[in-house]
Protein backbone atom coordinates (compact mmCIF):
# COMPACT_ATOMS: atom_id res chain seq x y z
CA UNK A 1 123.46 129.16 109.37
CA UNK A 2 123.14 128.13 113.23
CA UNK A 3 125.11 124.66 113.90
CA UNK A 4 122.52 122.89 115.60
CA UNK A 5 123.44 119.11 114.96
CA UNK A 6 127.11 117.63 114.01
CA UNK A 7 129.06 118.20 117.82
CA UNK A 8 128.45 115.69 119.26
CA UNK A 9 128.32 112.38 116.46
CA UNK A 10 127.30 108.52 117.89
CA UNK A 11 129.43 106.36 117.18
CA UNK A 12 128.60 103.63 114.69
CA UNK A 13 128.28 100.92 117.76
CA UNK A 14 125.98 103.69 119.62
CA UNK A 15 123.74 103.79 116.49
CA UNK A 16 123.97 99.78 115.98
CA UNK A 17 122.91 99.61 119.74
CA UNK A 18 119.96 101.91 119.31
CA UNK A 19 118.76 100.10 116.18
CA UNK A 20 118.90 96.61 118.20
CA UNK A 21 116.84 98.41 120.84
CA UNK A 22 114.01 99.84 118.74
CA UNK A 23 114.16 96.35 116.78
CA UNK A 24 113.39 94.71 120.19
CA UNK A 25 110.48 97.18 120.89
CA UNK A 26 109.25 95.83 116.89
CA UNK A 27 109.79 92.51 117.59
CA UNK A 28 108.05 92.39 121.30
CA UNK A 29 105.10 94.33 119.23
CA UNK A 30 105.09 92.86 115.96
CA UNK A 31 102.42 90.03 117.02
CA UNK A 32 100.17 92.82 117.43
CA UNK A 33 101.02 95.02 114.27
CA UNK A 34 100.27 94.64 110.74
CA UNK A 35 101.46 95.70 108.02
CA UNK A 36 99.57 97.53 105.17
CA UNK A 37 100.39 98.29 101.53
CA UNK A 38 100.38 101.66 99.54
CA UNK A 39 97.15 100.84 98.28
CA UNK A 40 95.88 99.24 101.46
CA UNK A 41 96.48 101.84 103.51
CA UNK A 42 95.00 104.79 101.04
CA UNK A 43 91.42 102.31 100.50
CA UNK A 44 90.82 101.70 104.46
CA UNK A 45 87.85 102.93 105.87
CA UNK A 46 88.78 106.51 107.61
CA UNK A 47 86.48 106.33 110.98
CA UNK A 48 84.91 109.58 112.11
CA UNK A 49 86.73 112.22 114.53
CA UNK A 50 85.21 110.73 118.08
CA UNK A 51 84.36 107.23 116.68
CA UNK A 52 86.11 106.03 120.07
CA UNK A 53 82.56 107.33 122.27
CA UNK A 54 80.03 105.78 119.50
CA UNK A 55 81.45 102.20 119.33
CA UNK A 56 80.77 101.06 122.22
CA UNK A 57 77.15 102.76 122.29
CA UNK A 58 76.46 100.97 118.93
CA UNK A 59 77.87 97.66 120.41
CA UNK A 60 75.76 97.92 123.37
CA UNK A 61 72.34 99.12 121.45
CA UNK A 62 73.18 96.18 118.68
CA UNK A 63 73.50 93.49 121.60
CA UNK A 64 70.31 95.06 123.54
CA UNK A 65 68.62 94.68 120.36
CA UNK A 66 69.71 91.57 119.48
CA UNK A 67 70.98 93.22 115.94
CA UNK A 68 73.18 90.81 114.49
CA UNK A 69 75.14 90.62 110.69
CA UNK A 70 76.99 87.58 108.92
CA UNK A 71 81.26 88.41 109.15
CA UNK A 72 80.64 91.63 111.74
CA UNK A 73 81.67 90.60 114.89
CA UNK A 74 80.64 93.11 118.08
CA UNK A 75 83.25 91.59 119.89
CA UNK A 76 85.88 92.04 117.12
CA UNK A 77 84.86 95.64 116.73
CA UNK A 78 85.40 96.30 120.42
CA UNK A 79 88.80 94.90 120.35
CA UNK A 80 89.74 96.68 117.21
CA UNK A 81 88.75 99.49 119.15
CA UNK A 82 91.11 98.77 122.44
CA UNK A 83 93.87 97.86 120.13
CA UNK A 84 93.67 100.93 118.62
CA UNK A 85 93.38 102.75 122.28
CA UNK A 86 95.78 100.53 123.72
CA UNK A 87 99.02 100.84 120.86
CA UNK A 88 98.27 104.82 121.01
CA UNK A 89 100.94 105.11 123.46
CA UNK A 90 103.60 102.99 121.59
CA UNK A 91 102.26 105.48 118.28
CA UNK A 92 103.16 108.67 119.92
CA UNK A 93 106.42 107.66 120.84
CA UNK A 94 107.28 106.10 118.00
CA UNK A 95 106.29 109.12 115.76
CA UNK A 96 108.07 110.88 117.91
CA UNK A 97 111.52 109.20 117.66
CA UNK A 98 110.86 108.85 113.61
CA UNK A 99 110.30 112.36 113.58
CA UNK A 100 113.40 113.52 115.65
CA UNK A 101 115.48 111.46 113.43
CA UNK A 102 114.47 112.68 110.55
CA UNK A 103 114.41 116.06 112.04
CA UNK A 104 118.28 115.73 112.95
CA UNK A 105 119.19 114.53 109.13
CA UNK A 106 117.19 117.25 107.74
CA UNK A 107 118.92 119.64 109.90
CA UNK A 108 122.73 117.73 109.64
CA UNK A 109 122.12 117.59 105.58
CA UNK A 110 121.13 121.25 105.56
CA UNK A 111 124.22 122.29 107.46
CA UNK A 112 126.51 120.16 105.38
CA UNK A 113 125.12 121.19 102.34
CA UNK A 114 125.92 124.64 103.71
CA UNK A 115 128.83 124.49 104.31
CA UNK A 116 129.80 122.48 101.18
CA UNK A 117 128.16 125.37 98.79
CA UNK A 118 130.33 128.20 100.88
CA UNK A 119 133.05 125.79 100.57
CA UNK A 120 132.44 125.35 96.49
CA UNK A 121 131.59 129.24 95.96
CA UNK A 122 135.27 129.78 97.20
CA UNK A 123 137.21 127.50 95.48
CA UNK A 124 135.49 128.51 92.55
CA UNK A 125 136.65 131.71 92.67
CA UNK A 126 140.30 131.21 92.63
CA UNK A 127 140.20 127.96 90.69
CA UNK A 128 141.36 129.82 87.23
CA UNK A 129 144.74 130.54 89.73
CA UNK A 130 145.81 127.24 90.46
CA UNK A 131 145.51 124.42 87.16
CA UNK A 132 145.72 121.74 89.41
CA UNK A 133 142.44 123.27 91.24
CA UNK A 134 141.02 124.05 88.47
CA UNK A 135 141.16 120.14 86.93
CA UNK A 136 140.01 119.03 90.14
CA UNK A 137 137.13 121.03 90.56
CA UNK A 138 135.37 120.10 86.95
CA UNK A 139 133.16 117.31 88.26
CA UNK A 140 132.34 119.58 90.87
CA UNK A 141 131.43 122.56 88.76
CA UNK A 142 129.53 120.22 86.63
CA UNK A 143 127.28 118.84 89.26
CA UNK A 144 127.14 122.69 90.72
CA UNK A 145 125.54 123.39 86.83
CA UNK A 146 122.06 123.77 86.19
CA UNK A 147 120.08 121.63 83.70
CA UNK A 148 119.85 117.99 83.52
CA UNK A 149 122.17 115.94 85.73
CA UNK A 150 124.57 113.38 84.71
CA UNK A 151 125.21 110.51 87.20
CA UNK A 152 127.83 111.31 90.26
CA UNK A 153 130.55 109.21 89.99
CA UNK A 154 133.23 108.89 92.89
CA UNK A 155 136.78 110.05 92.47
CA UNK A 156 139.49 108.13 91.72
CA UNK A 157 142.36 108.31 94.39
């Protein structure tokens, strides 16, 4: 397995500094942003591809022909479209950041688990030759066993 990550670790303070920087961006943009529940996200109307071109045309026609509906604002519709457009660069960079952080975590966990399983396999093969190792490896053997899992407890020193 290629070692793509883990050789250069950020310090805890570097991670904390990055978190603070991202939090500052979130705080600065928060007045323009909202949070939705899972249900709200799934039930929200999903516009058809290309709606950004049609909305100004609809707004223009409605204004020219005096079409008005209670609770529907043409200016509000146009402001919403502007918000979507203006937030797009922020959404793209935030998505890129989230994807790279997640990809790095996935790769690091994969590399970690690859090494752990290789070392476990070697330890398990030689455990019968060492009573101390045989006792010590028991919870690890149980963890690797197939079937229903028991909660993992941290070893006591």
